[in-house]
Amino acid sequence: MKKNYISNSTESTRMFKADWMEALSKVHFTVPLYIYVPVILLLCWDALYRQSLPLLPFIGYYALGLVVWTLTEYLLHRFVFHYVPKAPWALRLHFIFHGVHHDYPNDAKRLVMPPSASIPMATVLYLFFRLFLQGGELHAFFAAFLTGYLVYDLSHYALHHFNFKSQFWKNLKKHHMLHHYSDASKGYGVSSPLWDKIFRSDFIKK
């Protein structure tokens, strides 16, 4: 993604003429918590009590879900959000989904995914994982997957708007800011730089 313009304003730029479409493109950073925390708790309850999944397998599938989320986050960011098409209509979609974030990285209302996009995406991914897992295993796995998504969304907001004292968060913020302000072809991991290191898309940090 070639970078020509970066705004430091925290205000939102208008993307749609229709007010209802504009409203659906914005969200307060706490909204995903209200939507997905109850879903995560319900999935955990179902896996442990309704499906009677033993604790150790539950922990194992939960851990697997977290790992798979970090890889999904990396792959989506690198190969979907940063794929730049040539057709004008496709470029418009690219701008709506991710280009606007690189032009206006401090827009406080467009730092977490709006429910109008995240709910359909979560539904499709649940149906996809259902091809490989069933019952309590699926629900333990997907509860963790959604947990990873929440960590990603909230971390993304924090990296742009919070000042950290912890060295871990300072390093993670530096990693993401280099992606925005130095080289958008590197540093695709937001909640973790793990896959950037594995796939050699990390920055050489001095």
N, C-alpha and C. Protein backbone atom coordinates (compact mmCIF):
# COMPACT_ATOMS: atom_id res chain seq x y z
N MET A 1 0.84 -1.19 0.00
CA MET A 1 0.00 0.00 0.00
C MET A 1 0.88 1.25 0.00
N LYS A 2 0.92 1.93 -1.11
CA LYS A 2 1.74 3.13 -1.21
C LYS A 2 1.13 4.24 -0.37
N LYS A 3 1.94 4.94 0.38
CA LYS A 3 1.45 5.96 1.28
C LYS A 3 1.71 7.35 0.71
N ASN A 4 0.62 8.06 0.44
CA ASN A 4 0.72 9.43 -0.07
C ASN A 4 0.24 10.46 0.93
N TYR A 5 -0.61 10.05 1.85
CA TYR A 5 -1.25 11.01 2.75
C TYR A 5 -1.53 10.35 4.09
N ILE A 6 -1.19 11.04 5.16
CA ILE A 6 -1.54 10.59 6.51
C ILE A 6 -2.03 11.78 7.30
N SER A 7 -3.25 11.68 7.82
CA SER A 7 -3.81 12.73 8.66
C SER A 7 -3.56 12.39 10.12
N ASN A 8 -3.22 13.37 10.92
CA ASN A 8 -3.04 13.17 12.36
C ASN A 8 -4.26 13.59 13.16
N SER A 9 -5.34 13.92 12.46
CA SER A 9 -6.57 14.34 13.13
C SER A 9 -7.27 13.14 13.75
N THR A 10 -7.92 13.35 14.90
CA THR A 10 -8.71 12.30 15.53
C THR A 10 -10.15 12.31 15.03
N GLU A 11 -10.49 13.28 14.17
CA GLU A 11 -11.84 13.38 13.63
C GLU A 11 -12.05 12.37 12.51
N SER A 12 -13.32 12.06 12.22
CA SER A 12 -13.66 11.11 11.17
C SER A 12 -13.89 11.84 9.85
N THR A 13 -13.35 11.27 8.78
CA THR A 13 -13.66 11.77 7.45
C THR A 13 -14.92 11.08 6.96
N ARG A 14 -15.72 11.78 6.20
CA ARG A 14 -16.97 11.19 5.71
C ARG A 14 -16.67 10.26 4.54
N MET A 15 -17.26 9.06 4.56
CA MET A 15 -17.03 8.09 3.50
C MET A 15 -18.27 7.85 2.63
N PHE A 16 -19.46 8.09 3.19
CA PHE A 16 -20.69 7.78 2.47
C PHE A 16 -21.62 8.99 2.43
N LYS A 17 -22.36 9.11 1.36
CA LYS A 17 -23.35 10.18 1.26
C LYS A 17 -24.55 9.90 2.16
N ALA A 18 -24.97 8.66 2.20
CA ALA A 18 -26.13 8.28 3.02
C ALA A 18 -25.76 8.28 4.50
N ASP A 19 -26.56 8.96 5.32
CA ASP A 19 -26.27 9.05 6.75
C ASP A 19 -26.27 7.69 7.43
N TRP A 20 -27.19 6.79 7.02
CA TRP A 20 -27.26 5.49 7.68
C TRP A 20 -26.03 4.64 7.39
N MET A 21 -25.48 4.77 6.18
CA MET A 21 -24.27 4.04 5.85
C MET A 21 -23.07 4.61 6.59
N GLU A 22 -23.03 5.93 6.71
CA GLU A 22 -21.96 6.58 7.46
C GLU A 22 -21.99 6.15 8.92
N ALA A 23 -23.20 6.07 9.49
CA ALA A 23 -23.33 5.66 10.89
C ALA A 23 -22.86 4.23 11.10
N LEU A 24 -23.14 3.34 10.14
CA LEU A 24 -22.73 1.94 10.28
C LEU A 24 -21.22 1.75 10.17
N SER A 25 -20.52 2.76 9.61
CA SER A 25 -19.08 2.64 9.43
C SER A 25 -18.29 3.10 10.65
N LYS A 26 -19.00 3.59 11.67
CA LYS A 26 -18.32 4.11 12.87
C LYS A 26 -18.78 3.34 14.10
N VAL A 27 -17.89 3.23 15.07
CA VAL A 27 -18.25 2.50 16.29
C VAL A 27 -17.34 2.94 17.43
N HIS A 28 -17.90 3.06 18.63
CA HIS A 28 -17.10 3.31 19.83
C HIS A 28 -16.31 2.05 20.16
N PHE A 29 -15.10 2.23 20.67
CA PHE A 29 -14.21 1.08 20.84
C PHE A 29 -14.71 0.06 21.86
N THR A 30 -15.68 0.43 22.71
CA THR A 30 -16.20 -0.53 23.70
C THR A 30 -17.31 -1.42 23.16
N VAL A 31 -17.88 -1.07 22.01
CA VAL A 31 -19.03 -1.81 21.49
C VAL A 31 -18.75 -3.29 21.27
N PRO A 32 -17.59 -3.69 20.71
CA PRO A 32 -17.33 -5.13 20.56
C PRO A 32 -17.40 -5.90 21.88
N LEU A 33 -17.05 -5.25 22.99
CA LEU A 33 -17.14 -5.92 24.30
C LEU A 33 -18.58 -6.29 24.62
N TYR A 34 -19.51 -5.36 24.38
CA TYR A 34 -20.92 -5.61 24.69
C TYR A 34 -21.50 -6.73 23.83
N ILE A 35 -20.99 -6.86 22.61
CA ILE A 35 -21.51 -7.87 21.69
C ILE A 35 -20.89 -9.23 21.94
N TYR A 36 -19.55 -9.27 22.07
CA TYR A 36 -18.87 -10.56 22.01
C TYR A 36 -18.56 -11.19 23.36
N VAL A 37 -18.46 -10.41 24.44
CA VAL A 37 -18.22 -11.02 25.75
C VAL A 37 -19.36 -11.97 26.14
N PRO A 38 -20.65 -11.57 25.98
CA PRO A 38 -21.72 -12.54 26.27
C PRO A 38 -21.66 -13.78 25.38
N VAL A 39 -21.29 -13.61 24.12
CA VAL A 39 -21.19 -14.75 23.21
C VAL A 39 -20.07 -15.69 23.66
N ILE A 40 -18.93 -15.12 24.04
CA ILE A 40 -17.81 -15.93 24.52
C ILE A 40 -18.19 -16.72 25.77
N LEU A 41 -18.85 -16.04 26.71
CA LEU A 41 -19.26 -16.72 27.94
C LEU A 41 -20.26 -17.83 27.65
N LEU A 42 -21.19 -17.57 26.73
CA LEU A 42 -22.18 -18.59 26.36
C LEU A 42 -21.51 -19.80 25.72
N LEU A 43 -20.54 -19.56 24.84
CA LEU A 43 -19.82 -20.65 24.19
C LEU A 43 -19.04 -21.48 25.22
N CYS A 44 -18.39 -20.81 26.17
CA CYS A 44 -17.65 -21.52 27.21
C CYS A 44 -18.59 -22.36 28.07
N TRP A 45 -19.72 -21.76 28.46
CA TRP A 45 -20.71 -22.50 29.27
C TRP A 45 -21.21 -23.72 28.51
N ASP A 46 -21.52 -23.53 27.23
CA ASP A 46 -22.05 -24.64 26.44
C ASP A 46 -21.02 -25.76 26.31
N ALA A 47 -19.76 -25.39 26.07
CA ALA A 47 -18.71 -26.40 25.90
C ALA A 47 -18.51 -27.19 27.19
N LEU A 48 -18.46 -26.50 28.34
CA LEU A 48 -18.12 -27.15 29.60
C LEU A 48 -19.29 -27.87 30.24
N TYR A 49 -20.50 -27.28 30.16
CA TYR A 49 -21.63 -27.82 30.93
C TYR A 49 -22.67 -28.52 30.05
N ARG A 50 -23.02 -27.93 28.94
CA ARG A 50 -24.02 -28.57 28.09
C ARG A 50 -23.41 -29.71 27.27
N GLN A 51 -22.21 -29.46 26.71
CA GLN A 51 -21.53 -30.49 25.91
C GLN A 51 -20.63 -31.38 26.76
N SER A 52 -20.44 -31.00 28.03
CA SER A 52 -19.63 -31.79 28.98
C SER A 52 -18.21 -32.05 28.50
N LEU A 53 -17.60 -31.05 27.91
CA LEU A 53 -16.20 -31.18 27.48
C LEU A 53 -15.31 -31.13 28.72
N PRO A 54 -14.45 -32.11 28.94
CA PRO A 54 -13.55 -32.09 30.12
C PRO A 54 -12.65 -30.85 30.11
N LEU A 55 -12.17 -30.48 31.29
CA LEU A 55 -11.44 -29.23 31.45
C LEU A 55 -10.16 -29.20 30.62
N LEU A 56 -9.37 -30.28 30.67
CA LEU A 56 -8.10 -30.26 29.93
C LEU A 56 -8.29 -30.13 28.42
N PRO A 57 -9.20 -30.90 27.80
CA PRO A 57 -9.47 -30.66 26.37
C PRO A 57 -9.99 -29.26 26.10
N PHE A 58 -10.81 -28.73 27.03
CA PHE A 58 -11.31 -27.35 26.86
C PHE A 58 -10.14 -26.38 26.80
N ILE A 59 -9.19 -26.52 27.72
CA ILE A 59 -8.02 -25.64 27.74
C ILE A 59 -7.21 -25.79 26.46
N GLY A 60 -7.09 -27.03 25.99
CA GLY A 60 -6.33 -27.28 24.77
C GLY A 60 -6.97 -26.63 23.55
N TYR A 61 -8.28 -26.81 23.38
CA TYR A 61 -8.97 -26.20 22.24
C TYR A 61 -9.02 -24.69 22.37
N TYR A 62 -9.11 -24.19 23.60
CA TYR A 62 -9.09 -22.74 23.80
C TYR A 62 -7.74 -22.16 23.39
N ALA A 63 -6.67 -22.83 23.80
CA ALA A 63 -5.33 -22.38 23.42
C ALA A 63 -5.15 -22.42 21.90
N LEU A 64 -5.68 -23.49 21.28
CA LEU A 64 -5.59 -23.59 19.82
C LEU A 64 -6.33 -22.44 19.15
N GLY A 65 -7.49 -22.09 19.67
CA GLY A 65 -8.26 -20.98 19.11
C GLY A 65 -7.52 -19.66 19.17
N LEU A 66 -6.80 -19.42 20.26
CA LEU A 66 -6.02 -18.19 20.38
C LEU A 66 -4.89 -18.14 19.36
N VAL A 67 -4.21 -19.27 19.19
CA VAL A 67 -3.11 -19.32 18.22
C VAL A 67 -3.63 -19.12 16.80
N VAL A 68 -4.74 -19.80 16.48
CA VAL A 68 -5.32 -19.68 15.14
C VAL A 68 -5.78 -18.24 14.90
N TRP A 69 -6.30 -17.58 15.94
CA TRP A 69 -6.68 -16.18 15.74
C TRP A 69 -5.48 -15.33 15.35
N THR A 70 -4.36 -15.48 16.05
CA THR A 70 -3.20 -14.63 15.75
C THR A 70 -2.74 -14.83 14.31
N LEU A 71 -2.82 -16.08 13.82
CA LEU A 71 -2.45 -16.34 12.42
C LEU A 71 -3.48 -15.73 11.48
N THR A 72 -4.77 -15.85 11.82
CA THR A 72 -5.83 -15.27 10.99
C THR A 72 -5.69 -13.76 10.91
N GLU A 73 -5.42 -13.14 12.05
CA GLU A 73 -5.21 -11.68 12.09
C GLU A 73 -4.09 -11.28 11.12
N TYR A 74 -2.99 -12.01 11.18
CA TYR A 74 -1.84 -11.70 10.33
C TYR A 74 -2.19 -11.88 8.86
N LEU A 75 -2.79 -13.02 8.50
CA LEU A 75 -3.08 -13.32 7.11
C LEU A 75 -4.11 -12.35 6.52
N LEU A 76 -5.15 -12.04 7.29
CA LEU A 76 -6.16 -11.08 6.81
C LEU A 76 -5.54 -9.72 6.57
N HIS A 77 -4.71 -9.27 7.53
CA HIS A 77 -4.11 -7.94 7.41
C HIS A 77 -3.16 -7.89 6.22
N ARG A 78 -2.36 -8.92 6.07
CA ARG A 78 -1.35 -8.89 5.01
C ARG A 78 -1.92 -9.12 3.61
N PHE A 79 -2.76 -10.14 3.48
CA PHE A 79 -3.16 -10.57 2.14
C PHE A 79 -4.55 -10.11 1.70
N VAL A 80 -5.38 -9.67 2.65
CA VAL A 80 -6.70 -9.17 2.28
C VAL A 80 -6.75 -7.65 2.41
N PHE A 81 -6.46 -7.13 3.61
CA PHE A 81 -6.56 -5.69 3.81
C PHE A 81 -5.53 -4.91 3.02
N HIS A 82 -4.38 -5.52 2.75
CA HIS A 82 -3.33 -4.81 2.02
C HIS A 82 -3.23 -5.24 0.56
N TYR A 83 -4.22 -5.97 0.08
CA TYR A 83 -4.28 -6.26 -1.34
C TYR A 83 -4.90 -5.06 -2.05
N VAL A 84 -4.16 -4.47 -2.98
CA VAL A 84 -4.63 -3.27 -3.67
C VAL A 84 -5.08 -3.65 -5.08
N PRO A 85 -6.38 -3.65 -5.34
CA PRO A 85 -6.89 -4.01 -6.66
C PRO A 85 -6.73 -2.86 -7.66
N LYS A 86 -7.07 -3.11 -8.91
CA LYS A 86 -6.93 -2.09 -9.95
C LYS A 86 -8.27 -1.47 -10.36
N ALA A 87 -9.34 -2.23 -10.32
CA ALA A 87 -10.64 -1.72 -10.73
C ALA A 87 -11.09 -0.60 -9.80
N PRO A 88 -11.66 0.49 -10.33
CA PRO A 88 -12.08 1.62 -9.49
C PRO A 88 -13.04 1.22 -8.38
N TRP A 89 -14.02 0.36 -8.68
CA TRP A 89 -14.98 -0.05 -7.65
C TRP A 89 -14.29 -0.87 -6.55
N ALA A 90 -13.30 -1.68 -6.95
CA ALA A 90 -12.58 -2.49 -5.98
C ALA A 90 -11.66 -1.62 -5.12
N LEU A 91 -11.08 -0.59 -5.75
CA LEU A 91 -10.26 0.36 -4.98
C LEU A 91 -11.10 1.07 -3.94
N ARG A 92 -12.36 1.37 -4.31
CA ARG A 92 -13.27 2.02 -3.36
C ARG A 92 -13.53 1.10 -2.16
N LEU A 93 -13.75 -0.19 -2.43
CA LEU A 93 -13.94 -1.15 -1.34
C LEU A 93 -12.70 -1.26 -0.48
N HIS A 94 -11.53 -1.27 -1.13
CA HIS A 94 -10.27 -1.34 -0.40
C HIS A 94 -10.12 -0.14 0.54
N PHE A 95 -10.49 1.04 0.06
CA PHE A 95 -10.40 2.24 0.90
C PHE A 95 -11.35 2.13 2.08
N ILE A 96 -12.57 1.64 1.84
CA ILE A 96 -13.57 1.54 2.91
C ILE A 96 -13.09 0.57 4.00
N PHE A 97 -12.53 -0.57 3.58
CA PHE A 97 -12.17 -1.61 4.55
C PHE A 97 -10.86 -1.33 5.27
N HIS A 98 -9.88 -0.71 4.59
CA HIS A 98 -8.60 -0.53 5.26
C HIS A 98 -7.84 0.73 4.86
N GLY A 99 -8.03 1.16 3.62
CA GLY A 99 -7.29 2.34 3.17
C GLY A 99 -7.56 3.57 4.00
N VAL A 100 -8.82 3.73 4.42
CA VAL A 100 -9.18 4.91 5.22
C VAL A 100 -8.41 4.91 6.54
N HIS A 101 -8.14 3.72 7.08
CA HIS A 101 -7.41 3.65 8.35
C HIS A 101 -5.96 4.11 8.18
N HIS A 102 -5.37 3.83 7.03
CA HIS A 102 -3.99 4.28 6.81
C HIS A 102 -3.94 5.78 6.49
N ASP A 103 -4.98 6.32 5.88
CA ASP A 103 -5.02 7.76 5.63
C ASP A 103 -5.37 8.54 6.90
N TYR A 104 -6.23 7.95 7.74
CA TYR A 104 -6.68 8.62 8.97
C TYR A 104 -6.47 7.66 10.15
N PRO A 105 -5.23 7.38 10.51
CA PRO A 105 -4.95 6.33 11.51
C PRO A 105 -5.41 6.66 12.92
N ASN A 106 -5.69 7.93 13.22
CA ASN A 106 -6.11 8.30 14.58
C ASN A 106 -7.60 8.58 14.68
N ASP A 107 -8.35 8.24 13.64
CA ASP A 107 -9.80 8.37 13.67
C ASP A 107 -10.36 7.45 14.75
N ALA A 108 -10.82 8.03 15.84
CA ALA A 108 -11.21 7.25 17.01
C ALA A 108 -12.44 6.37 16.77
N LYS A 109 -13.25 6.68 15.77
CA LYS A 109 -14.47 5.91 15.50
C LYS A 109 -14.27 4.80 14.48
N ARG A 110 -13.06 4.71 13.93
CA ARG A 110 -12.82 3.67 12.92
C ARG A 110 -11.57 2.86 13.24
N LEU A 111 -11.37 2.59 14.52
CA LEU A 111 -10.21 1.80 14.94
C LEU A 111 -10.59 0.38 15.35
N VAL A 112 -11.86 0.14 15.60
CA VAL A 112 -12.33 -1.23 15.82
C VAL A 112 -13.35 -1.54 14.72
N MET A 113 -13.49 -2.81 14.40
CA MET A 113 -14.37 -3.19 13.30
C MET A 113 -15.83 -2.99 13.69
N PRO A 114 -16.63 -2.31 12.87
CA PRO A 114 -18.04 -2.10 13.22
C PRO A 114 -18.79 -3.42 13.18
N PRO A 115 -19.83 -3.56 14.00
CA PRO A 115 -20.61 -4.81 14.01
C PRO A 115 -21.19 -5.16 12.65
N SER A 116 -21.47 -4.15 11.81
CA SER A 116 -22.01 -4.42 10.48
C SER A 116 -21.05 -5.26 9.64
N ALA A 117 -19.76 -5.24 9.98
CA ALA A 117 -18.77 -6.05 9.28
C ALA A 117 -18.33 -7.26 10.11
N SER A 118 -18.16 -7.06 11.43
CA SER A 118 -17.59 -8.14 12.25
C SER A 118 -18.57 -9.29 12.46
N ILE A 119 -19.86 -9.01 12.59
CA ILE A 119 -20.83 -10.08 12.83
C ILE A 119 -20.96 -11.00 11.62
N PRO A 120 -21.13 -10.48 10.40
CA PRO A 120 -21.14 -11.39 9.24
C PRO A 120 -19.84 -12.17 9.09
N MET A 121 -18.70 -11.51 9.35
CA MET A 121 -17.41 -12.19 9.23
C MET A 121 -17.29 -13.30 10.27
N ALA A 122 -17.72 -13.03 11.50
CA ALA A 122 -17.66 -14.04 12.56
C ALA A 122 -18.57 -15.22 12.22
N THR A 123 -19.73 -14.94 11.64
CA THR A 123 -20.66 -16.01 11.27
C THR A 123 -20.07 -16.92 10.21
N VAL A 124 -19.46 -16.32 9.19
CA VAL A 124 -18.83 -17.10 8.11
C VAL A 124 -17.69 -17.96 8.68
N LEU A 125 -16.87 -17.38 9.55
CA LEU A 125 -15.75 -18.13 10.12
C LEU A 125 -16.23 -19.25 11.02
N TYR A 126 -17.31 -19.01 11.77
CA TYR A 126 -17.87 -20.08 12.61
C TYR A 126 -18.32 -21.26 11.75
N LEU A 127 -19.01 -20.97 10.65
CA LEU A 127 -19.46 -22.03 9.74
C LEU A 127 -18.28 -22.75 9.09
N PHE A 128 -17.21 -22.00 8.83
CA PHE A 128 -16.01 -22.62 8.27
C PHE A 128 -15.37 -23.58 9.27
N PHE A 129 -15.19 -23.13 10.50
CA PHE A 129 -14.56 -23.99 11.52
C PHE A 129 -15.46 -25.19 11.86
N ARG A 130 -16.75 -25.02 11.62
CA ARG A 130 -17.69 -26.11 11.87
C ARG A 130 -17.45 -27.30 10.93
N LEU A 131 -16.76 -27.06 9.84
CA LEU A 131 -16.41 -28.15 8.93
C LEU A 131 -15.37 -29.09 9.54
N PHE A 132 -14.63 -28.59 10.54
CA PHE A 132 -13.53 -29.36 11.12
C PHE A 132 -13.77 -29.77 12.57
N LEU A 133 -14.60 -29.00 13.27
CA LEU A 133 -14.85 -29.27 14.70
C LEU A 133 -16.35 -29.31 14.96
N GLN A 134 -16.75 -29.99 16.01
CA GLN A 134 -18.16 -30.09 16.37
C GLN A 134 -18.31 -29.95 17.88
N GLY A 135 -19.52 -29.63 18.32
CA GLY A 135 -19.88 -29.66 19.73
C GLY A 135 -19.01 -28.81 20.63
N GLY A 136 -18.62 -29.38 21.77
CA GLY A 136 -17.85 -28.64 22.76
C GLY A 136 -16.50 -28.20 22.26
N GLU A 137 -15.86 -29.03 21.43
CA GLU A 137 -14.55 -28.65 20.87
C GLU A 137 -14.66 -27.38 20.03
N LEU A 138 -15.70 -27.34 19.19
CA LEU A 138 -15.91 -26.16 18.35
C LEU A 138 -16.15 -24.92 19.19
N HIS A 139 -16.98 -25.06 20.22
CA HIS A 139 -17.34 -23.89 21.02
C HIS A 139 -16.19 -23.41 21.89
N ALA A 140 -15.38 -24.32 22.41
CA ALA A 140 -14.18 -23.91 23.15
C ALA A 140 -13.21 -23.18 22.23
N PHE A 141 -13.01 -23.75 21.04
CA PHE A 141 -12.12 -23.16 20.05
C PHE A 141 -12.61 -21.77 19.63
N PHE A 142 -13.90 -21.67 19.32
CA PHE A 142 -14.41 -20.40 18.78
C PHE A 142 -14.53 -19.34 19.88
N ALA A 143 -14.75 -19.74 21.12
CA ALA A 143 -14.73 -18.78 22.22
C ALA A 143 -13.36 -18.11 22.31
N ALA A 144 -12.30 -18.92 22.16
CA ALA A 144 -10.95 -18.37 22.18
C ALA A 144 -10.68 -17.51 20.95
N PHE A 145 -11.17 -17.95 19.82
CA PHE A 145 -10.99 -17.19 18.58
C PHE A 145 -11.60 -15.80 18.72
N LEU A 146 -12.81 -15.73 19.29
CA LEU A 146 -13.45 -14.43 19.52
C LEU A 146 -12.72 -13.63 20.60
N THR A 147 -12.17 -14.31 21.59
CA THR A 147 -11.36 -13.63 22.61
C THR A 147 -10.16 -12.96 21.95
N GLY A 148 -9.50 -13.70 21.06
CA GLY A 148 -8.37 -13.13 20.33
C GLY A 148 -8.78 -11.93 19.51
N TYR A 149 -9.96 -12.01 18.89
CA TYR A 149 -10.46 -10.87 18.12
C TYR A 149 -10.67 -9.65 19.01
N LEU A 150 -11.25 -9.85 20.19
CA LEU A 150 -11.47 -8.73 21.11
C LEU A 150 -10.15 -8.11 21.55
N VAL A 151 -9.17 -8.97 21.86
CA VAL A 151 -7.85 -8.46 22.25
C VAL A 151 -7.26 -7.63 21.11
N TYR A 152 -7.40 -8.13 19.89
CA TYR A 152 -6.92 -7.40 18.71
C TYR A 152 -7.59 -6.04 18.59
N ASP A 153 -8.91 -6.02 18.65
CA ASP A 153 -9.65 -4.77 18.46
C ASP A 153 -9.28 -3.74 19.53
N LEU A 154 -9.29 -4.16 20.79
CA LEU A 154 -9.00 -3.22 21.88
C LEU A 154 -7.53 -2.82 21.88
N SER A 155 -6.65 -3.75 21.55
CA SER A 155 -5.23 -3.42 21.44
C SER A 155 -5.00 -2.39 20.34
N HIS A 156 -5.69 -2.57 19.23
CA HIS A 156 -5.53 -1.65 18.10
C HIS A 156 -5.92 -0.23 18.51
N TYR A 157 -7.04 -0.11 19.21
CA TYR A 157 -7.45 1.21 19.68
C TYR A 157 -6.40 1.78 20.64
N ALA A 158 -5.97 0.95 21.58
CA ALA A 158 -5.01 1.41 22.58
C ALA A 158 -3.69 1.84 21.96
N LEU A 159 -3.22 1.10 20.97
CA LEU A 159 -1.93 1.42 20.35
C LEU A 159 -1.96 2.80 19.69
N HIS A 160 -3.12 3.21 19.23
CA HIS A 160 -3.23 4.52 18.59
C HIS A 160 -3.51 5.65 19.57
N HIS A 161 -4.09 5.34 20.73
CA HIS A 161 -4.57 6.44 21.60
C HIS A 161 -4.05 6.41 23.03
N PHE A 162 -3.35 5.37 23.45
CA PHE A 162 -2.87 5.30 24.82
C PHE A 162 -1.36 5.50 24.86
N ASN A 163 -0.90 6.06 25.98
CA ASN A 163 0.53 6.14 26.26
C ASN A 163 0.86 5.07 27.31
N PHE A 164 1.86 4.24 27.01
CA PHE A 164 2.14 3.10 27.86
C PHE A 164 3.41 3.30 28.66
N LYS A 165 3.45 2.67 29.84
CA LYS A 165 4.65 2.62 30.65
C LYS A 165 5.31 1.25 30.55
N SER A 166 4.51 0.22 30.28
CA SER A 166 5.03 -1.14 30.15
C SER A 166 5.88 -1.26 28.90
N GLN A 167 7.05 -1.89 29.03
CA GLN A 167 7.93 -2.07 27.88
C GLN A 167 7.30 -2.95 26.81
N PHE A 168 6.52 -3.95 27.23
CA PHE A 168 5.84 -4.82 26.27
C PHE A 168 4.94 -4.00 25.35
N TRP A 169 4.11 -3.14 25.95
CA TRP A 169 3.17 -2.34 25.16
C TRP A 169 3.89 -1.26 24.36
N LYS A 170 4.97 -0.74 24.90
CA LYS A 170 5.77 0.23 24.15
C LYS A 170 6.33 -0.41 22.88
N ASN A 171 6.84 -1.63 23.01
CA ASN A 171 7.39 -2.33 21.85
C ASN A 171 6.31 -2.65 20.83
N LEU A 172 5.13 -3.06 21.32
CA LEU A 172 4.04 -3.39 20.42
C LEU A 172 3.54 -2.13 19.69
N LYS A 173 3.49 -1.01 20.42
CA LYS A 173 3.08 0.24 19.79
C LYS A 173 4.09 0.68 18.74
N LYS A 174 5.36 0.54 19.04
CA LYS A 174 6.40 0.91 18.08
C LYS A 174 6.27 0.06 16.81
N HIS A 175 6.01 -1.22 17.00
CA HIS A 175 5.84 -2.15 15.88
C HIS A 175 4.71 -1.67 14.96
N HIS A 176 3.58 -1.28 15.56
CA HIS A 176 2.42 -0.86 14.77
C HIS A 176 2.61 0.52 14.15
N MET A 177 3.24 1.42 14.88
CA MET A 177 3.47 2.75 14.33
C MET A 177 4.46 2.72 13.15
N LEU A 178 5.43 1.81 13.20
CA LEU A 178 6.33 1.65 12.06
C LEU A 178 5.55 1.17 10.83
N HIS A 179 4.56 0.33 11.06
CA HIS A 179 3.70 -0.13 9.95
C HIS A 179 2.98 1.05 9.32
N HIS A 180 2.51 1.97 10.15
CA HIS A 180 1.75 3.12 9.64
C HIS A 180 2.65 4.20 9.05
N TYR A 181 3.75 4.50 9.71
CA TYR A 181 4.50 5.71 9.36
C TYR A 181 5.85 5.45 8.70
N SER A 182 6.26 4.17 8.64
CA SER A 182 7.55 3.88 8.02
C SER A 182 7.40 2.99 6.79
N ASP A 183 6.81 1.79 6.97
CA ASP A 183 6.72 0.84 5.86
C ASP A 183 5.50 -0.04 6.05
N ALA A 184 4.45 0.22 5.25
CA ALA A 184 3.20 -0.53 5.37
C ALA A 184 3.30 -1.94 4.80
N SER A 185 4.43 -2.29 4.22
CA SER A 185 4.62 -3.64 3.70
C SER A 185 5.25 -4.56 4.73
N LYS A 186 5.37 -4.09 5.96
CA LYS A 186 5.89 -4.89 7.06
C LYS A 186 5.03 -4.64 8.30
N GLY A 187 5.21 -5.50 9.30
CA GLY A 187 4.55 -5.27 10.58
C GLY A 187 3.04 -5.47 10.54
N TYR A 188 2.59 -6.62 10.02
CA TYR A 188 1.16 -6.85 9.88
C TYR A 188 0.50 -7.32 11.16
N GLY A 189 1.27 -7.86 12.08
CA GLY A 189 0.70 -8.28 13.35
C GLY A 189 0.38 -7.08 14.21
N VAL A 190 -0.84 -7.05 14.78
CA VAL A 190 -1.26 -5.92 15.63
C VAL A 190 -1.22 -6.33 17.10
N SER A 191 -1.89 -7.41 17.43
CA SER A 191 -1.89 -7.84 18.83
C SER A 191 -0.65 -8.65 19.19
N SER A 192 0.10 -9.06 18.16
CA SER A 192 1.34 -9.81 18.40
C SER A 192 2.23 -9.72 17.17
N PRO A 193 3.56 -9.57 17.37
CA PRO A 193 4.48 -9.57 16.23
C PRO A 193 4.99 -10.96 15.87
N LEU A 194 4.38 -12.02 16.48
CA LEU A 194 4.88 -13.38 16.32
C LEU A 194 5.00 -13.79 14.86
N TRP A 195 3.92 -13.64 14.08
CA TRP A 195 3.94 -14.14 12.71
C TRP A 195 4.79 -13.27 11.79
N ASP A 196 4.99 -12.01 12.15
CA ASP A 196 5.93 -11.18 11.39
C ASP A 196 7.34 -11.74 11.51
N LYS A 197 7.67 -12.23 12.68
CA LYS A 197 9.00 -12.81 12.88
C LYS A 197 9.12 -14.13 12.11
N ILE A 198 8.05 -14.93 12.16
CA ILE A 198 8.09 -16.24 11.49
C ILE A 198 8.15 -16.08 9.97
N PHE A 199 7.35 -15.15 9.44
CA PHE A 199 7.28 -14.97 7.98
C PHE A 199 8.19 -13.86 7.46
N ARG A 200 9.07 -13.37 8.33
CA ARG A 200 10.09 -12.39 7.95
C ARG A 200 9.53 -11.10 7.38
N SER A 201 8.45 -10.62 7.99
CA SER A 201 7.90 -9.32 7.62
C SER A 201 8.04 -8.34 8.78
N ASP A 202 8.95 -8.66 9.70
CA ASP A 202 9.19 -7.79 10.86
C ASP A 202 10.14 -6.66 10.45
N PHE A 203 10.17 -5.63 11.28
CA PHE A 203 11.11 -4.52 11.08
C PHE A 203 12.44 -4.85 11.74
N ILE A 204 13.50 -4.31 11.18
CA ILE A 204 14.79 -4.38 11.83
C ILE A 204 14.85 -3.19 12.78
N LYS A 205 14.63 -3.45 14.05
CA LYS A 205 14.50 -2.36 15.02
C LYS A 205 15.85 -2.07 15.65
N LYS A 206 16.19 -0.76 15.71
CA LYS A 206 17.42 -0.34 16.35
C LYS A 206 17.10 0.16 17.75
